[in-house]
Each structure stands twice: as C-alpha cells, then as structure tokens.
C-alpha atoms as a PDB file:
ATOM      1  CA  MET A   1     -13.267  29.264  14.260  1.00  0.00           C
ATOM      2  CA  LYS A   2     -11.318  28.187  17.340  1.00  0.00           C
ATOM      3  CA  LYS A   3      -9.615  30.687  19.624  1.00  0.00           C
ATOM      4  CA  ILE A   4      -5.844  30.183  19.512  1.00  0.00           C
ATOM      5  CA  THR A   5      -3.276  31.239  22.090  1.00  0.00           C
ATOM      6  CA  ILE A   6       0.421  31.156  21.237  1.00  0.00           C
ATOM      7  CA  ILE A   7       2.497  31.105  24.417  1.00  0.00           C
ATOM      8  CA  GLY A   8       5.856  32.591  23.507  1.00  0.00           C
ATOM      9  CA  GLY A   9       6.027  35.452  21.041  1.00  0.00           C
ATOM     10  CA  GLY A  10       9.642  34.932  20.001  1.00  0.00           C
ATOM     11  CA  ASN A  11      10.785  34.328  16.418  1.00  0.00           C
ATOM     12  CA  LEU A  12       8.919  31.042  16.009  1.00  0.00           C
ATOM     13  CA  GLY A  13       5.756  32.066  17.835  1.00  0.00           C
ATOM     14  CA  SER A  14       5.562  35.341  15.921  1.00  0.00           C
ATOM     15  CA  ALA A  15       6.154  33.553  12.610  1.00  0.00           C
ATOM     16  CA  ILE A  16       3.313  31.138  13.347  1.00  0.00           C
ATOM     17  CA  ALA A  17       1.008  34.017  14.273  1.00  0.00           C
ATOM     18  CA  THR A  18       1.887  35.935  11.110  1.00  0.00           C
ATOM     19  CA  GLY A  19       1.372  32.878   8.920  1.00  0.00           C
ATOM     20  CA  LEU A  20      -2.009  32.062  10.435  1.00  0.00           C
ATOM     21  CA  LEU A  21      -3.184  35.623   9.822  1.00  0.00           C
ATOM     22  CA  LYS A  22      -1.834  35.790   6.256  1.00  0.00           C
ATOM     23  CA  SER A  23      -3.507  32.485   5.372  1.00  0.00           C
ATOM     24  CA  ASN A  24      -6.807  33.512   6.994  1.00  0.00           C
ATOM     25  CA  PHE A  25      -6.754  30.373   9.133  1.00  0.00           C
ATOM     26  CA  CYS A  26      -7.858  32.602  11.979  1.00  0.00           C
ATOM     27  CA  THR A  27      -8.743  36.243  12.499  1.00  0.00           C
ATOM     28  CA  SER A  28      -6.819  38.630  14.730  1.00  0.00           C
ATOM     29  CA  THR A  29      -9.710  38.663  17.212  1.00  0.00           C
ATOM     30  CA  ASN A  30      -9.375  34.888  17.630  1.00  0.00           C
ATOM     31  CA  LEU A  31      -5.617  34.992  18.142  1.00  0.00           C
ATOM     32  CA  THR A  32      -3.694  35.795  21.316  1.00  0.00           C
ATOM     33  CA  VAL A  33       0.098  35.878  21.666  1.00  0.00           C
ATOM     34  CA  THR A  34       1.824  36.038  25.036  1.00  0.00           C
ATOM     35  CA  LYS A  35       5.259  37.301  25.957  1.00  0.00           C
ATOM     36  CA  ARG A  36       6.856  38.826  29.032  1.00  0.00           C
ATOM     37  CA  ASN A  37       8.077  41.826  27.068  1.00  0.00           C
ATOM     38  CA  THR A  38       4.973  42.679  25.057  1.00  0.00           C
ATOM     39  CA  LYS A  39       6.588  45.780  23.523  1.00  0.00           C
ATOM     40  CA  THR A  40       8.393  43.556  21.024  1.00  0.00           C
ATOM     41  CA  LEU A  41       5.003  42.412  19.696  1.00  0.00           C
ATOM     42  CA  ASP A  42       3.711  45.836  18.701  1.00  0.00           C
ATOM     43  CA  PHE A  43       3.756  44.772  15.046  1.00  0.00           C
ATOM     44  CA  LEU A  44       1.184  42.061  15.876  1.00  0.00           C
ATOM     45  CA  LYS A  45      -0.779  44.404  18.096  1.00  0.00           C
ATOM     46  CA  SER A  46      -1.093  46.773  15.147  1.00  0.00           C
ATOM     47  CA  LYS A  47      -2.885  43.941  13.307  1.00  0.00           C
ATOM     48  CA  ALA A  48      -5.413  43.747  16.200  1.00  0.00           C
ATOM     49  CA  VAL A  49      -3.920  40.528  17.613  1.00  0.00           C
ATOM     50  CA  GLN A  50      -4.543  40.197  21.348  1.00  0.00           C
ATOM     51  CA  ILE A  51      -1.184  40.702  23.108  1.00  0.00           C
ATOM     52  CA  THR A  52      -0.653  39.936  26.800  1.00  0.00           C
ATOM     53  CA  SER A  53       1.905  38.818  29.367  1.00  0.00           C
ATOM     54  CA  ASP A  54      -0.779  36.869  31.270  1.00  0.00           C
ATOM     55  CA  ASN A  55      -0.464  33.223  30.205  1.00  0.00           C
ATOM     56  CA  LYS A  56      -3.222  32.070  32.562  1.00  0.00           C
ATOM     57  CA  LYS A  57      -5.840  34.466  31.248  1.00  0.00           C
ATOM     58  CA  ALA A  58      -4.876  33.729  27.645  1.00  0.00           C
ATOM     59  CA  VAL A  59      -5.222  29.967  28.177  1.00  0.00           C
ATOM     60  CA  ALA A  60      -8.545  30.302  29.986  1.00  0.00           C
ATOM     61  CA  GLN A  61      -9.981  32.196  27.010  1.00  0.00           C
ATOM     62  CA  SER A  62      -8.674  29.825  24.310  1.00  0.00           C
ATOM     63  CA  GLU A  63      -9.384  26.414  22.809  1.00  0.00           C
ATOM     64  CA  VAL A  64      -6.013  25.787  21.170  1.00  0.00           C
ATOM     65  CA  ILE A  65      -2.677  26.402  22.908  1.00  0.00           C
ATOM     66  CA  ILE A  66       0.555  26.516  20.926  1.00  0.00           C
ATOM     67  CA  LEU A  67       3.637  26.301  23.138  1.00  0.00           C
ATOM     68  CA  ALA A  68       6.500  28.169  21.439  1.00  0.00           C
ATOM     69  CA  ILE A  69       8.858  28.617  24.376  1.00  0.00           C
ATOM     70  CA  LYS A  70      12.409  27.555  25.208  1.00  0.00           C
ATOM     71  CA  PRO A  71      12.894  23.996  26.523  1.00  0.00           C
ATOM     72  CA  PHE A  72      14.148  25.246  29.910  1.00  0.00           C
ATOM     73  CA  GLN A  73      10.868  27.173  30.374  1.00  0.00           C
ATOM     74  CA  ILE A  74       8.561  24.211  29.843  1.00  0.00           C
ATOM     75  CA  LYS A  75       8.123  23.110  33.455  1.00  0.00           C
ATOM     76  CA  GLU A  76       7.503  26.609  34.797  1.00  0.00           C
ATOM     77  CA  VAL A  77       5.010  27.529  32.080  1.00  0.00           C
ATOM     78  CA  LEU A  78       3.077  24.254  32.175  1.00  0.00           C
ATOM     79  CA  GLU A  79       2.750  24.376  35.946  1.00  0.00           C
ATOM     80  CA  GLU A  80       1.527  27.965  35.649  1.00  0.00           C
ATOM     81  CA  ILE A  81      -1.222  27.211  33.109  1.00  0.00           C
ATOM     82  CA  GLN A  82      -2.251  23.726  34.275  1.00  0.00           C
ATOM     83  CA  PRO A  83      -5.155  24.899  36.492  1.00  0.00           C
ATOM     84  CA  PHE A  84      -6.685  26.654  33.475  1.00  0.00           C
ATOM     85  CA  ILE A  85      -6.408  23.766  31.015  1.00  0.00           C
ATOM     86  CA  THR A  86      -9.509  21.647  30.474  1.00  0.00           C
ATOM     87  CA  GLU A  87     -10.476  18.693  28.283  1.00  0.00           C
ATOM     88  CA  LYS A  88     -11.712  21.143  25.636  1.00  0.00           C
ATOM     89  CA  HIS A  89      -8.159  22.298  24.926  1.00  0.00           C
ATOM     90  CA  ILE A  90      -5.813  21.096  22.216  1.00  0.00           C
ATOM     91  CA  LEU A  91      -2.208  21.588  23.308  1.00  0.00           C
ATOM     92  CA  ILE A  92       0.399  21.837  20.537  1.00  0.00           C
ATOM     93  CA  SER A  93       4.065  21.945  21.468  1.00  0.00           C
ATOM     94  CA  VAL A  94       6.723  23.185  19.048  1.00  0.00           C
ATOM     95  CA  VAL A  95       9.340  23.020  21.800  1.00  0.00           C
ATOM     96  CA  THR A  96      12.476  21.212  20.632  1.00  0.00           C
ATOM     97  CA  GLY A  97      13.431  18.055  22.503  1.00  0.00           C
ATOM     98  CA  ILE A  98      10.424  17.903  24.848  1.00  0.00           C
ATOM     99  CA  SER A  99       8.384  14.717  24.482  1.00  0.00           C
ATOM    100  CA  ILE A 100       4.633  14.321  24.820  1.00  0.00           C
ATOM    101  CA  TYR A 101       5.310  12.090  27.829  1.00  0.00           C
ATOM    102  CA  GLU A 102       7.241  14.904  29.534  1.00  0.00           C
ATOM    103  CA  ILE A 103       4.401  17.340  28.876  1.00  0.00           C
ATOM    104  CA  LYS A 104       1.756  14.945  30.195  1.00  0.00           C
ATOM    105  CA  SER A 105       3.799  14.235  33.294  1.00  0.00           C
ATOM    106  CA  ILE A 106       3.229  17.896  34.237  1.00  0.00           C
ATOM    107  CA  ILE A 107      -0.234  18.472  32.735  1.00  0.00           C
ATOM    108  CA  THR A 108      -2.125  15.699  34.483  1.00  0.00           C
ATOM    109  CA  ASN A 109      -5.504  16.719  33.037  1.00  0.00           C
ATOM    110  CA  LYS A 110      -6.782  14.382  30.331  1.00  0.00           C
ATOM    111  CA  ILE A 111      -6.149  16.507  27.245  1.00  0.00           C
ATOM    112  CA  THR A 112      -5.089  16.145  23.640  1.00  0.00           C
ATOM    113  CA  VAL A 113      -1.388  16.848  23.076  1.00  0.00           C
ATOM    114  CA  PHE A 114       0.326  17.319  19.718  1.00  0.00           C
ATOM    115  CA  ARG A 115       4.035  17.653  19.130  1.00  0.00           C
ATOM    116  CA  ALA A 116       5.060  19.611  16.049  1.00  0.00           C
ATOM    117  CA  MET A 117       8.503  20.103  14.529  1.00  0.00           C
ATOM    118  CA  PRO A 118       8.531  22.941  11.949  1.00  0.00           C
ATOM    119  CA  ASN A 119      11.563  24.653  10.424  1.00  0.00           C
ATOM    120  CA  THR A 120      12.536  28.284   9.891  1.00  0.00           C
ATOM    121  CA  ALA A 121      10.748  28.457   6.523  1.00  0.00           C
ATOM    122  CA  ILE A 122       7.547  28.680   8.558  1.00  0.00           C
ATOM    123  CA  ALA A 123       8.224  32.438   8.478  1.00  0.00           C
ATOM    124  CA  ILE A 124       7.267  32.441   4.780  1.00  0.00           C
ATOM    125  CA  GLN A 125       4.657  29.651   5.047  1.00  0.00           C
ATOM    126  CA  GLU A 126       6.984  27.093   3.447  1.00  0.00           C
ATOM    127  CA  SER A 127       7.856  24.890   6.426  1.00  0.00           C
ATOM    128  CA  ILE A 128       7.810  21.123   6.569  1.00  0.00           C
ATOM    129  CA  THR A 129       6.196  20.347   9.924  1.00  0.00           C
ATOM    130  CA  CYS A 130       6.319  16.833  11.346  1.00  0.00           C
ATOM    131  CA  LEU A 131       3.429  15.906  13.638  1.00  0.00           C
ATOM    132  CA  SER A 132       2.738  13.292  16.296  1.00  0.00           C
ATOM    133  CA  TRP A 133       0.055  13.203  18.972  1.00  0.00           C
ATOM    134  CA  ASP A 134      -1.576  11.513  21.930  1.00  0.00           C
ATOM    135  CA  ASN A 135      -5.278  11.157  22.742  1.00  0.00           C
ATOM    136  CA  ALA A 136      -6.424  12.880  19.534  1.00  0.00           C
ATOM    137  CA  ASN A 137      -9.508  12.101  17.453  1.00  0.00           C
ATOM    138  CA  LYS A 138      -9.846  12.419  13.669  1.00  0.00           C
ATOM    139  CA  VAL A 139     -11.395  15.886  13.853  1.00  0.00           C
ATOM    140  CA  GLN A 140      -8.580  17.197  16.060  1.00  0.00           C
ATOM    141  CA  ILE A 141      -5.907  15.622  13.857  1.00  0.00           C
ATOM    142  CA  LYS A 142      -7.404  17.214  10.755  1.00  0.00           C
ATOM    143  CA  TYR A 143      -7.599  20.592  12.494  1.00  0.00           C
ATOM    144  CA  VAL A 144      -3.907  20.549  13.443  1.00  0.00           C
ATOM    145  CA  GLU A 145      -2.911  19.281   9.987  1.00  0.00           C
ATOM    146  CA  ASP A 146      -4.919  22.097   8.383  1.00  0.00           C
ATOM    147  CA  LEU A 147      -3.280  24.623  10.719  1.00  0.00           C
ATOM    148  CA  PHE A 148       0.264  23.652   9.786  1.00  0.00           C
ATOM    149  CA  ASN A 149      -0.597  23.053   6.120  1.00  0.00           C
ATOM    150  CA  LYS A 150      -1.349  26.784   6.043  1.00  0.00           C
ATOM    151  CA  LEU A 151       2.294  27.258   7.057  1.00  0.00           C
ATOM    152  CA  GLY A 152       3.808  24.842   4.535  1.00  0.00           C
ATOM    153  CA  LYS A 153       3.397  21.072   4.386  1.00  0.00           C
ATOM    154  CA  THR A 154       2.978  18.390   7.057  1.00  0.00           C
ATOM    155  CA  ALA A 155       4.144  14.830   7.629  1.00  0.00           C
ATOM    156  CA  ASN A 156       2.637  12.591  10.310  1.00  0.00           C
ATOM    157  CA  ILE A 157       5.328  10.517  12.017  1.00  0.00           C
ATOM    158  CA  ASP A 158       5.885   8.304  15.038  1.00  0.00           C
ATOM    159  CA  GLU A 159       7.114  10.459  17.914  1.00  0.00           C
ATOM    160  CA  LYS A 160      10.255   8.344  18.252  1.00  0.00           C
ATOM    161  CA  LEU A 161      11.338   9.848  14.908  1.00  0.00           C
ATOM    162  CA  MET A 162      11.104  13.455  16.113  1.00  0.00           C
ATOM    163  CA  ASN A 163      14.860  13.756  16.657  1.00  0.00           C
ATOM    164  CA  ALA A 164      15.407  12.395  13.161  1.00  0.00           C
ATOM    165  CA  ALA A 165      12.818  14.885  11.857  1.00  0.00           C
ATOM    166  CA  THR A 166      14.751  17.692  13.531  1.00  0.00           C
ATOM    167  CA  VAL A 167      17.914  16.677  11.693  1.00  0.00           C
ATOM    168  CA  LEU A 168      16.318  16.110   8.300  1.00  0.00           C
ATOM    169  CA  GLY A 169      13.784  18.953   8.314  1.00  0.00           C
ATOM    170  CA  ALA A 170      15.249  21.624  10.599  1.00  0.00           C
ATOM    171  CA  CYS A 171      19.011  21.107  10.367  1.00  0.00           C
ATOM    172  CA  GLY A 172      18.334  20.273   6.724  1.00  0.00           C
ATOM    173  CA  THR A 173      17.648  23.942   6.017  1.00  0.00           C
ATOM    174  CA  ALA A 174      21.257  24.724   6.918  1.00  0.00           C
ATOM    175  CA  TYR A 175      22.520  21.838   4.780  1.00  0.00           C
ATOM    176  CA  ALA A 176      20.560  23.157   1.792  1.00  0.00           C
ATOM    177  CA  MET A 177      21.868  26.675   2.431  1.00  0.00           C
ATOM    178  CA  ARG A 178      25.437  25.377   2.445  1.00  0.00           C
ATOM    179  CA  TYR A 179      24.866  23.678  -0.916  1.00  0.00           C
ATOM    180  CA  ILE A 180      23.419  26.886  -2.339  1.00  0.00           C
ATOM    181  CA  ARG A 181      26.381  28.857  -1.006  1.00  0.00           C
ATOM    182  CA  ALA A 182      28.799  26.458  -2.690  1.00  0.00           C
ATOM    183  CA  ASN A 183      26.804  26.737  -5.905  1.00  0.00           C
ATOM    184  CA  ILE A 184      27.103  30.529  -5.750  1.00  0.00           C
ATOM    185  CA  GLN A 185      30.847  30.306  -5.200  1.00  0.00           C
ATOM    186  CA  GLY A 186      31.143  27.983  -8.172  1.00  0.00           C
ATOM    187  CA  GLY A 187      29.044  30.359 -10.262  1.00  0.00           C
ATOM    188  CA  ILE A 188      31.325  33.258  -9.426  1.00  0.00           C
ATOM    189  CA  GLU A 189      34.350  31.171 -10.387  1.00  0.00           C
ATOM    190  CA  ILE A 190      32.924  30.519 -13.846  1.00  0.00           C
ATOM    191  CA  GLY A 191      32.052  34.154 -14.503  1.00  0.00           C
ATOM    192  CA  PHE A 192      28.892  35.382 -12.751  1.00  0.00           C
ATOM    193  CA  ASP A 193      28.696  38.267 -10.324  1.00  0.00           C
ATOM    194  CA  ALA A 194      27.584  37.302  -6.815  1.00  0.00           C
ATOM    195  CA  LYS A 195      24.047  38.703  -7.118  1.00  0.00           C
ATOM    196  CA  THR A 196      23.279  36.894 -10.358  1.00  0.00           C
ATOM    197  CA  ALA A 197      24.877  33.653  -9.156  1.00  0.00           C
ATOM    198  CA  SER A 198      22.786  33.833  -5.978  1.00  0.00           C
ATOM    199  CA  LEU A 199      19.550  34.303  -7.927  1.00  0.00           C
ATOM    200  CA  ILE A 200      20.301  31.442 -10.320  1.00  0.00           C
ATOM    201  CA  ALA A 201      21.409  29.072  -7.559  1.00  0.00           C
ATOM    202  CA  ALA A 202      18.461  29.755  -5.240  1.00  0.00           C
ATOM    203  CA  GLN A 203      15.797  29.616  -7.952  1.00  0.00           C
ATOM    204  CA  THR A 204      17.298  26.426  -9.398  1.00  0.00           C
ATOM    205  CA  VAL A 205      17.090  24.687  -6.016  1.00  0.00           C
ATOM    206  CA  LYS A 206      13.547  25.979  -5.501  1.00  0.00           C
ATOM    207  CA  GLY A 207      12.539  24.699  -8.934  1.00  0.00           C
ATOM    208  CA  ALA A 208      14.126  21.307  -8.326  1.00  0.00           C
ATOM    209  CA  ALA A 209      12.262  20.948  -5.026  1.00  0.00           C
ATOM    210  CA  GLU A 210       8.945  21.993  -6.610  1.00  0.00           C
ATOM    211  CA  LEU A 211       9.443  19.389  -9.351  1.00  0.00           C
ATOM    212  CA  LEU A 212       9.652  16.612  -6.748  1.00  0.00           C
ATOM    213  CA  LEU A 213       6.734  17.956  -4.702  1.00  0.00           C
ATOM    214  CA  THR A 214       4.536  18.420  -7.759  1.00  0.00           C
ATOM    215  CA  THR A 215       5.347  15.328  -9.813  1.00  0.00           C
ATOM    216  CA  HIS A 216       6.134  12.975  -6.868  1.00  0.00           C
ATOM    217  CA  THR A 217       8.993  11.531  -8.892  1.00  0.00           C
ATOM    218  CA  HIS A 218      12.268  10.155  -7.545  1.00  0.00           C
ATOM    219  CA  PRO A 219      15.252  12.539  -7.807  1.00  0.00           C
ATOM    220  CA  GLU A 220      17.067  10.102 -10.097  1.00  0.00           C
ATOM    221  CA  GLN A 221      14.221  10.281 -12.624  1.00  0.00           C
ATOM    222  CA  GLU A 222      14.659  14.054 -12.837  1.00  0.00           C
ATOM    223  CA  ILE A 223      18.439  13.683 -12.992  1.00  0.00           C
ATOM    224  CA  ASP A 224      18.077  11.293 -15.946  1.00  0.00           C
ATOM    225  CA  LYS A 225      16.186  13.974 -17.873  1.00  0.00           C
ATOM    226  CA  VAL A 226      19.163  16.353 -17.841  1.00  0.00           C
ATOM    227  CA  THR A 227      22.093  13.931 -18.130  1.00  0.00           C
ATOM    228  CA  THR A 228      22.880  13.331 -21.787  1.00  0.00           C
ATOM    229  CA  PRO A 229      25.629  10.921 -22.889  1.00  0.00           C
ATOM    230  CA  LYS A 230      29.078  12.516 -22.597  1.00  0.00           C
ATOM    231  CA  GLY A 231      27.375  15.740 -21.471  1.00  0.00           C
ATOM    232  CA  CYS A 232      28.502  18.386 -18.993  1.00  0.00           C
ATOM    233  CA  THR A 233      25.879  17.449 -16.370  1.00  0.00           C
ATOM    234  CA  ILE A 234      26.993  13.839 -15.939  1.00  0.00           C
ATOM    235  CA  THR A 235      30.616  14.951 -15.974  1.00  0.00           C
ATOM    236  CA  GLY A 236      29.952  17.376 -13.132  1.00  0.00           C
ATOM    237  CA  LEU A 237      27.877  14.866 -11.156  1.00  0.00           C
ATOM    238  CA  ASN A 238      30.512  12.165 -11.438  1.00  0.00           C
ATOM    239  CA  GLU A 239      33.251  14.540 -10.297  1.00  0.00           C
ATOM    240  CA  MET A 240      31.138  15.527  -7.260  1.00  0.00           C
ATOM    241  CA  GLU A 241      30.618  11.861  -6.398  1.00  0.00           C
ATOM    242  CA  HIS A 242      34.346  11.148  -6.802  1.00  0.00           C
ATOM    243  CA  GLN A 243      34.905  13.907  -4.222  1.00  0.00           C
ATOM    244  CA  GLY A 244      32.426  12.310  -1.818  1.00  0.00           C
ATOM    245  CA  PHE A 245      29.398  14.547  -2.369  1.00  0.00           C
ATOM    246  CA  SER A 246      26.574  12.134  -1.441  1.00  0.00           C
ATOM    247  CA  SER A 247      28.699  10.347   1.129  1.00  0.00           C
ATOM    248  CA  SER A 248      29.574  13.567   2.975  1.00  0.00           C
ATOM    249  CA  ILE A 249      25.909  14.611   3.157  1.00  0.00           C
ATOM    250  CA  ILE A 250      24.823  11.233   4.514  1.00  0.00           C
ATOM    251  CA  LYS A 251      27.664  11.251   7.047  1.00  0.00           C
ATOM    252  CA  GLY A 252      26.751  14.797   8.081  1.00  0.00           C
ATOM    253  CA  ILE A 253      23.108  13.836   8.678  1.00  0.00           C
ATOM    254  CA  ALA A 254      24.194  10.792  10.708  1.00  0.00           C
ATOM    255  CA  ALA A 255      26.633  12.914  12.729  1.00  0.00           C
ATOM    256  CA  SER A 256      23.892  15.455  13.532  1.00  0.00           C
ATOM    257  CA  PHE A 257      21.582  12.643  14.607  1.00  0.00           C
ATOM    258  CA  ASP A 258      24.253  11.160  16.876  1.00  0.00           C
ATOM    259  CA  LYS A 259      24.740  14.607  18.423  1.00  0.00           C
ATOM    260  CA  ILE A 260      21.064  15.260  19.037  1.00  0.00           C
END
C-alpha cells in the first residue's frame, strides 16, 4: 500500500482523503494531508490521518503526491517541494487549468505526472474524473485509475480535452442541478409540495443516469421505452424542444467552453 500525501486540505483535498479512507483504498497511517491552518482538519486527525503544515516533510515520506491547491499557489508549492521529489514519486494534479507541461517546467526531475479533473460529487464517491498523464507505465496508470475509481468513475482522455472535460464534467454538475430545480418547480406547479417534488425529481435523474451507466444504451433508446403514441411523455418532450431545450443546453456548453 503506497503512502499518499495530499497537499491542500481544502474542500477537494479533504473530500479525496475522506473517500480514500471510506473505500479502504488506503489506511489512515498511509495518508497525510497538509494545510497551513491544520485546525480545520481536526475531523481527519480524529480518524488518525497524519496532519501537517510541512509540505516538504510530507512529500519526503510519501510515494504518491496529490496536488489539491489553488492555481495561483502552484509555482510556490512546486518550488518548495521539488528538492524532495524523486523518480519514485507519482505526482497527481487536480489543479484546474494547470497543464502537465507547466508542472514539468517547474519540477525538472524526471517523474511521472498525472492530471486529474474530478467534480464535486467526489465528496460522495460519485465523481467522474478525467485523467491524462506523462511518463507513466501501465502499473502506474492502473494505480491512479483504481484510486479515482474508488471515488466514482474515470475516463482517460487526451490532455488537450481537459478544458472540455471541465465544462462537461465539472460545470455539468451545475447544469444538471438547474434541470432538477426546474423539474421541482414544475412539480410544484402541478400539485406537489416542494419536499416531495425534490425527492421525485432527484431520484428520477439518478435512476436515468444509472440506466445509461448500467445498460450502456443510448439515451434515445431509453426515451423510446417511455414515449407511447399520442402519450403525455412525447407531448412534453416536443413542447420542450419547441422551446429550445436541447439547443439551449448545447449553446450553454459551447459558451462555457469559449469562456474557459
């Protein structure tokens, strides 16, 4: 079992740590989390996770480094830990917008670097995490895939698609939430109280997603199963399309991508 250090115990770093412990991917004695203000990590410390503000010591004692810091901190932190990084290390960055090339321009040692793009559902081990890497062998790739598969599901992509992955997988959480919110509002309009409408809407979306992930079918195949001739489902779908439902989603995704 490899020793893992998570540099940056903020929301994302803490969520990764919690998920790795819950899934038994690593034990608390093999996990270190660093943060300047360690008091905010008392909940991890109570689980016997090693907590420290010393990035250099944490890196020196680890085999896997997960960078979960803010983009503006990347240069400072990498320069700080560089003398303690060796070829034995696997470096995994979950830092938004920072390329592998940018990381390797600072860490000049010949090491394996992964770039990972999870989303906020990593907090409940239901993230989709997109992965790309440089200088990694099959064993290292499998290790990192296994790590993030304990926190949801993974997709291996070309690094040039990382911005697109951010839009589809990370921003996509907000898009899905907005759809669910609209569904709840519609449910209230046709007679449900807010709590019941919320439960029905959220569970319906979860079930629809699980259908696709389990059966590997195309969405239209599942739509065909519930659209009977002259029925209420096709009537509702057609009205949504007349109002620009699919078009507005596609345009929104494209607009987010242009912005990023």
